[in-house]
Amino acid sequence: MTISMMVGCFVGGNDSYSSQKVYKLAFEGLQVPRTFQWLWNSKCVPRIKFFAWLLMVDRLNTNTMLRRRHYNTQVGIFCVLCSHNSEEDIEHLFFGCPFAANCWLRLNIVWDLDLELHHRISQARSIFQHDFYMEAFLIGAWELWKIRNAVIFDSARPSFHLWSVKFREQLLLH
């Protein structure tokens, strides 16, 4: 959209400028995955929604992301939750890691790792069969991230029991 088109929308008549109108014009016709709508409509607290948005747009500071940005990661690039020597990226950390897979199985969430992220989330939602799928996914991922951070920054050990307890506590807050 050109500036003259935007200006034309606000000149003359009863039209007045509003950021909402500019936003609608700028993003009119843009196709975004439905997973973003589910994310922002979920009942999770904003902190978890923002974290999940970062996850969905591949902007979380995983070890692989930090290396791409030329930061020195003291723990290396491998996943700290498992012993498979797999690079810690979003795909592995939240979906392919055996520790994460065990957590998701506890929630009866099964991932098709051959699908692109948004299609994977959509397919799992259709199988889950409960209205609170998005909240379960977001809180589950959030608690995985917190366990990962505790291992890196507090020298904790990955604990499925701790993940489960923290997941339940967080779910009860919503």
C-alpha atoms as a PDB file:
ATOM      1  CA  MET A   1       0.000   0.000   0.000  1.00  0.00           C
ATOM      2  CA  THR A   2       1.335   3.385  -0.932  1.00  0.00           C
ATOM      3  CA  ILE A   3       1.316   6.467   1.240  1.00  0.00           C
ATOM      4  CA  SER A   4      -1.025   8.215  -1.170  1.00  0.00           C
ATOM      5  CA  MET A   5      -3.521   5.354  -0.716  1.00  0.00           C
ATOM      6  CA  MET A   6      -3.320   5.743   3.069  1.00  0.00           C
ATOM      7  CA  VAL A   7      -3.641   9.519   2.887  1.00  0.00           C
ATOM      8  CA  GLY A   8      -6.573   9.138   0.501  1.00  0.00           C
ATOM      9  CA  CYS A   9      -8.379   7.063   3.082  1.00  0.00           C
ATOM     10  CA  PHE A  10      -8.255   9.852   5.639  1.00  0.00           C
ATOM     11  CA  VAL A  11      -8.820  12.971   3.525  1.00  0.00           C
ATOM     12  CA  GLY A  12     -12.244  14.486   3.126  1.00  0.00           C
ATOM     13  CA  GLY A  13     -15.586  13.289   4.393  1.00  0.00           C
ATOM     14  CA  ASN A  14     -16.036  12.190   7.976  1.00  0.00           C
ATOM     15  CA  ASP A  15     -12.970   9.926   7.941  1.00  0.00           C
ATOM     16  CA  SER A  16     -10.494  10.745  10.636  1.00  0.00           C
ATOM     17  CA  TYR A  17      -7.156   9.157  11.316  1.00  0.00           C
ATOM     18  CA  SER A  18      -6.927   6.191  13.647  1.00  0.00           C
ATOM     19  CA  SER A  19      -4.157   3.664  14.098  1.00  0.00           C
ATOM     20  CA  GLN A  20      -6.797   0.920  13.886  1.00  0.00           C
ATOM     21  CA  LYS A  21      -7.752   2.042  10.350  1.00  0.00           C
ATOM     22  CA  VAL A  22      -4.109   2.135   9.246  1.00  0.00           C
ATOM     23  CA  TYR A  23      -3.517  -1.305  10.758  1.00  0.00           C
ATOM     24  CA  LYS A  24      -6.541  -2.737   8.946  1.00  0.00           C
ATOM     25  CA  LEU A  25      -5.403  -1.203   5.652  1.00  0.00           C
ATOM     26  CA  ALA A  26      -1.826  -2.401   6.043  1.00  0.00           C
ATOM     27  CA  PHE A  27      -2.757  -5.982   6.856  1.00  0.00           C
ATOM     28  CA  GLU A  28      -5.907  -6.328   4.763  1.00  0.00           C
ATOM     29  CA  GLY A  29      -5.934  -9.643   2.946  1.00  0.00           C
ATOM     30  CA  LEU A  30      -2.915 -11.005   4.798  1.00  0.00           C
ATOM     31  CA  GLN A  31      -3.292 -14.724   5.436  1.00  0.00           C
ATOM     32  CA  VAL A  32      -1.970 -15.770   8.847  1.00  0.00           C
ATOM     33  CA  PRO A  33      -2.139 -19.226  10.394  1.00  0.00           C
ATOM     34  CA  ARG A  34      -5.198 -19.820  12.598  1.00  0.00           C
ATOM     35  CA  THR A  35      -2.844 -20.870  15.366  1.00  0.00           C
ATOM     36  CA  PHE A  36      -2.127 -17.193  16.062  1.00  0.00           C
ATOM     37  CA  GLN A  37      -5.839 -16.533  16.562  1.00  0.00           C
ATOM     38  CA  TRP A  38      -6.040 -19.492  18.952  1.00  0.00           C
ATOM     39  CA  LEU A  39      -2.967 -18.193  20.757  1.00  0.00           C
ATOM     40  CA  TRP A  40      -4.269 -14.662  21.337  1.00  0.00           C
ATOM     41  CA  ASN A  41      -7.780 -15.930  22.211  1.00  0.00           C
ATOM     42  CA  SER A  42      -6.479 -18.383  24.794  1.00  0.00           C
ATOM     43  CA  LYS A  43      -7.074 -17.781  28.480  1.00  0.00           C
ATOM     44  CA  CYS A  44      -3.349 -17.769  29.300  1.00  0.00           C
ATOM     45  CA  VAL A  45      -1.659 -14.791  30.899  1.00  0.00           C
ATOM     46  CA  PRO A  46       0.013 -12.333  28.509  1.00  0.00           C
ATOM     47  CA  ARG A  47       3.517 -13.470  29.535  1.00  0.00           C
ATOM     48  CA  ILE A  48       2.799 -17.019  28.291  1.00  0.00           C
ATOM     49  CA  LYS A  49       1.089 -15.732  25.145  1.00  0.00           C
ATOM     50  CA  PHE A  50       4.126 -13.618  24.281  1.00  0.00           C
ATOM     51  CA  PHE A  51       6.461 -16.551  24.953  1.00  0.00           C
ATOM     52  CA  ALA A  52       4.334 -18.773  22.680  1.00  0.00           C
ATOM     53  CA  TRP A  53       4.321 -16.115  19.963  1.00  0.00           C
ATOM     54  CA  LEU A  54       8.129 -16.099  20.088  1.00  0.00           C
ATOM     55  CA  LEU A  55       8.062 -19.892  19.825  1.00  0.00           C
ATOM     56  CA  MET A  56       5.700 -19.811  16.838  1.00  0.00           C
ATOM     57  CA  VAL A  57       7.782 -17.258  14.938  1.00  0.00           C
ATOM     58  CA  ASP A  58      11.069 -19.030  15.780  1.00  0.00           C
ATOM     59  CA  ARG A  59      12.493 -16.189  17.861  1.00  0.00           C
ATOM     60  CA  LEU A  60      13.105 -17.905  21.210  1.00  0.00           C
ATOM     61  CA  ASN A  61      16.680 -17.686  22.399  1.00  0.00           C
ATOM     62  CA  THR A  62      17.512 -21.355  22.085  1.00  0.00           C
ATOM     63  CA  ASN A  63      21.187 -22.272  21.964  1.00  0.00           C
ATOM     64  CA  THR A  64      21.002 -22.628  18.185  1.00  0.00           C
ATOM     65  CA  MET A  65      19.389 -19.189  17.828  1.00  0.00           C
ATOM     66  CA  LEU A  66      22.034 -17.610  20.060  1.00  0.00           C
ATOM     67  CA  ARG A  67      24.801 -19.220  18.000  1.00  0.00           C
ATOM     68  CA  ARG A  68      23.222 -17.857  14.780  1.00  0.00           C
ATOM     69  CA  ARG A  69      23.383 -14.416  16.378  1.00  0.00           C
ATOM     70  CA  HIS A  70      27.062 -15.002  17.265  1.00  0.00           C
ATOM     71  CA  TYR A  71      26.532 -15.121  21.028  1.00  0.00           C
ATOM     72  CA  ASN A  72      28.746 -17.355  23.111  1.00  0.00           C
ATOM     73  CA  THR A  73      26.616 -20.014  24.793  1.00  0.00           C
ATOM     74  CA  GLN A  74      28.483 -21.501  27.716  1.00  0.00           C
ATOM     75  CA  VAL A  75      26.446 -24.717  27.683  1.00  0.00           C
ATOM     76  CA  GLY A  76      27.072 -25.377  23.986  1.00  0.00           C
ATOM     77  CA  ILE A  77      24.456 -25.941  21.317  1.00  0.00           C
ATOM     78  CA  PHE A  78      23.085 -29.287  22.445  1.00  0.00           C
ATOM     79  CA  CYS A  79      19.802 -29.881  24.235  1.00  0.00           C
ATOM     80  CA  VAL A  80      20.234 -29.869  28.008  1.00  0.00           C
ATOM     81  CA  LEU A  81      17.091 -31.934  28.596  1.00  0.00           C
ATOM     82  CA  CYS A  82      18.282 -35.113  26.893  1.00  0.00           C
ATOM     83  CA  SER A  83      21.477 -36.986  26.147  1.00  0.00           C
ATOM     84  CA  HIS A  84      20.973 -37.356  22.389  1.00  0.00           C
ATOM     85  CA  ASN A  85      23.478 -34.640  21.409  1.00  0.00           C
ATOM     86  CA  SER A  86      20.790 -32.929  19.350  1.00  0.00           C
ATOM     87  CA  GLU A  87      21.040 -29.219  18.615  1.00  0.00           C
ATOM     88  CA  GLU A  88      18.749 -27.208  20.847  1.00  0.00           C
ATOM     89  CA  ASP A  89      16.369 -25.536  18.439  1.00  0.00           C
ATOM     90  CA  ILE A  90      12.623 -25.064  18.732  1.00  0.00           C
ATOM     91  CA  GLU A  91      11.878 -28.237  16.774  1.00  0.00           C
ATOM     92  CA  HIS A  92      13.958 -30.425  19.037  1.00  0.00           C
ATOM     93  CA  LEU A  93      13.397 -28.697  22.382  1.00  0.00           C
ATOM     94  CA  PHE A  94       9.598 -28.634  22.237  1.00  0.00           C
ATOM     95  CA  PHE A  95       8.720 -31.509  19.927  1.00  0.00           C
ATOM     96  CA  GLY A  96      11.565 -33.956  19.221  1.00  0.00           C
ATOM     97  CA  CYS A  97      13.307 -34.153  22.595  1.00  0.00           C
ATOM     98  CA  PRO A  98      12.503 -37.395  24.482  1.00  0.00           C
ATOM     99  CA  PHE A  99      11.975 -35.379  27.683  1.00  0.00           C
ATOM    100  CA  ALA A 100       9.454 -33.112  25.920  1.00  0.00           C
ATOM    101  CA  ALA A 101       7.771 -36.082  24.221  1.00  0.00           C
ATOM    102  CA  ASN A 102       7.248 -37.669  27.633  1.00  0.00           C
ATOM    103  CA  CYS A 103       5.625 -34.460  28.892  1.00  0.00           C
ATOM    104  CA  TRP A 104       3.309 -34.225  25.867  1.00  0.00           C
ATOM    105  CA  LEU A 105       2.305 -37.889  26.245  1.00  0.00           C
ATOM    106  CA  ARG A 106       1.214 -37.095  29.802  1.00  0.00           C
ATOM    107  CA  LEU A 107      -1.247 -34.609  28.250  1.00  0.00           C
ATOM    108  CA  ASN A 108      -2.245 -36.992  25.422  1.00  0.00           C
ATOM    109  CA  ILE A 109      -0.794 -34.608  22.862  1.00  0.00           C
ATOM    110  CA  VAL A 110       0.929 -36.354  19.976  1.00  0.00           C
ATOM    111  CA  TRP A 111       2.936 -34.436  17.395  1.00  0.00           C
ATOM    112  CA  ASP A 112       3.408 -35.304  13.738  1.00  0.00           C
ATOM    113  CA  LEU A 113       7.018 -34.183  13.352  1.00  0.00           C
ATOM    114  CA  ASP A 114       6.753 -34.324   9.557  1.00  0.00           C
ATOM    115  CA  LEU A 115       4.342 -31.367   9.544  1.00  0.00           C
ATOM    116  CA  GLU A 116       5.265 -27.691   9.554  1.00  0.00           C
ATOM    117  CA  LEU A 117       4.820 -26.129  13.016  1.00  0.00           C
ATOM    118  CA  HIS A 118       1.409 -24.478  12.499  1.00  0.00           C
ATOM    119  CA  HIS A 119      -0.026 -27.546  10.757  1.00  0.00           C
ATOM    120  CA  ARG A 120       1.387 -29.718  13.556  1.00  0.00           C
ATOM    121  CA  ILE A 121      -0.359 -27.593  16.181  1.00  0.00           C
ATOM    122  CA  SER A 122      -3.626 -27.665  14.184  1.00  0.00           C
ATOM    123  CA  GLN A 123      -3.527 -31.427  13.737  1.00  0.00           C
ATOM    124  CA  ALA A 124      -2.808 -32.035  17.424  1.00  0.00           C
ATOM    125  CA  ARG A 125      -5.700 -29.733  18.319  1.00  0.00           C
ATOM    126  CA  SER A 126      -8.109 -31.755  16.141  1.00  0.00           C
ATOM    127  CA  ILE A 127      -7.016 -34.966  17.873  1.00  0.00           C
ATOM    128  CA  PHE A 128      -6.967 -33.574  21.438  1.00  0.00           C
ATOM    129  CA  GLN A 129     -10.780 -33.303  21.700  1.00  0.00           C
ATOM    130  CA  HIS A 130     -10.924 -30.835  24.597  1.00  0.00           C
ATOM    131  CA  ASP A 131     -11.735 -27.130  24.527  1.00  0.00           C
ATOM    132  CA  PHE A 132      -8.625 -26.225  26.530  1.00  0.00           C
ATOM    133  CA  TYR A 133      -6.097 -27.597  24.007  1.00  0.00           C
ATOM    134  CA  MET A 134      -4.386 -24.281  23.342  1.00  0.00           C
ATOM    135  CA  GLU A 135      -4.006 -23.554  27.045  1.00  0.00           C
ATOM    136  CA  ALA A 136      -2.571 -27.056  27.600  1.00  0.00           C
ATOM    137  CA  PHE A 137      -0.114 -26.615  24.729  1.00  0.00           C
ATOM    138  CA  LEU A 138       0.967 -23.120  25.767  1.00  0.00           C
ATOM    139  CA  ILE A 139       1.410 -23.970  29.443  1.00  0.00           C
ATOM    140  CA  GLY A 140       3.152 -27.253  28.594  1.00  0.00           C
ATOM    141  CA  ALA A 141       5.637 -25.450  26.346  1.00  0.00           C
ATOM    142  CA  TRP A 142       6.104 -22.666  28.920  1.00  0.00           C
ATOM    143  CA  GLU A 143       6.944 -25.163  31.639  1.00  0.00           C
ATOM    144  CA  LEU A 144       9.371 -26.994  29.320  1.00  0.00           C
ATOM    145  CA  TRP A 145      11.120 -23.672  28.718  1.00  0.00           C
ATOM    146  CA  LYS A 146      11.290 -22.992  32.456  1.00  0.00           C
ATOM    147  CA  ILE A 147      12.743 -26.462  33.148  1.00  0.00           C
ATOM    148  CA  ARG A 148      15.307 -25.893  30.384  1.00  0.00           C
ATOM    149  CA  ASN A 149      16.265 -22.527  31.891  1.00  0.00           C
ATOM    150  CA  ALA A 150      16.564 -24.033  35.388  1.00  0.00           C
ATOM    151  CA  VAL A 151      18.970 -26.641  34.022  1.00  0.00           C
ATOM    152  CA  ILE A 152      21.105 -23.978  32.307  1.00  0.00           C
ATOM    153  CA  PHE A 153      21.045 -21.212  34.897  1.00  0.00           C
ATOM    154  CA  ASP A 154      20.476 -23.041  38.205  1.00  0.00           C
ATOM    155  CA  SER A 155      22.253 -26.342  37.482  1.00  0.00           C
ATOM    156  CA  ALA A 156      18.962 -28.171  38.073  1.00  0.00           C
ATOM    157  CA  ARG A 157      18.231 -31.614  36.695  1.00  0.00           C
ATOM    158  CA  PRO A 158      15.403 -32.116  34.207  1.00  0.00           C
ATOM    159  CA  SER A 159      12.510 -33.556  36.175  1.00  0.00           C
ATOM    160  CA  PHE A 160       9.330 -34.855  34.618  1.00  0.00           C
ATOM    161  CA  HIS A 161       7.679 -34.777  38.045  1.00  0.00           C
ATOM    162  CA  LEU A 162       8.574 -31.097  38.501  1.00  0.00           C
ATOM    163  CA  TRP A 163       7.282 -30.284  35.002  1.00  0.00           C
ATOM    164  CA  SER A 164       4.008 -32.071  35.818  1.00  0.00           C
ATOM    165  CA  VAL A 165       3.557 -30.280  39.159  1.00  0.00           C
ATOM    166  CA  LYS A 166       4.341 -26.859  37.653  1.00  0.00           C
ATOM    167  CA  PHE A 167       2.015 -27.551  34.710  1.00  0.00           C
ATOM    168  CA  ARG A 168      -0.878 -28.339  37.072  1.00  0.00           C
ATOM    169  CA  GLU A 169      -0.179 -25.258  39.188  1.00  0.00           C
ATOM    170  CA  GLN A 170      -0.091 -23.001  36.137  1.00  0.00           C
ATOM    171  CA  LEU A 171      -3.262 -24.570  34.702  1.00  0.00           C
ATOM    172  CA  LEU A 172      -5.133 -23.918  37.954  1.00  0.00           C
ATOM    173  CA  LEU A 173      -4.206 -20.233  37.740  1.00  0.00           C
ATOM    174  CA  HIS A 174      -6.089 -19.910  34.459  1.00  0.00           C
END
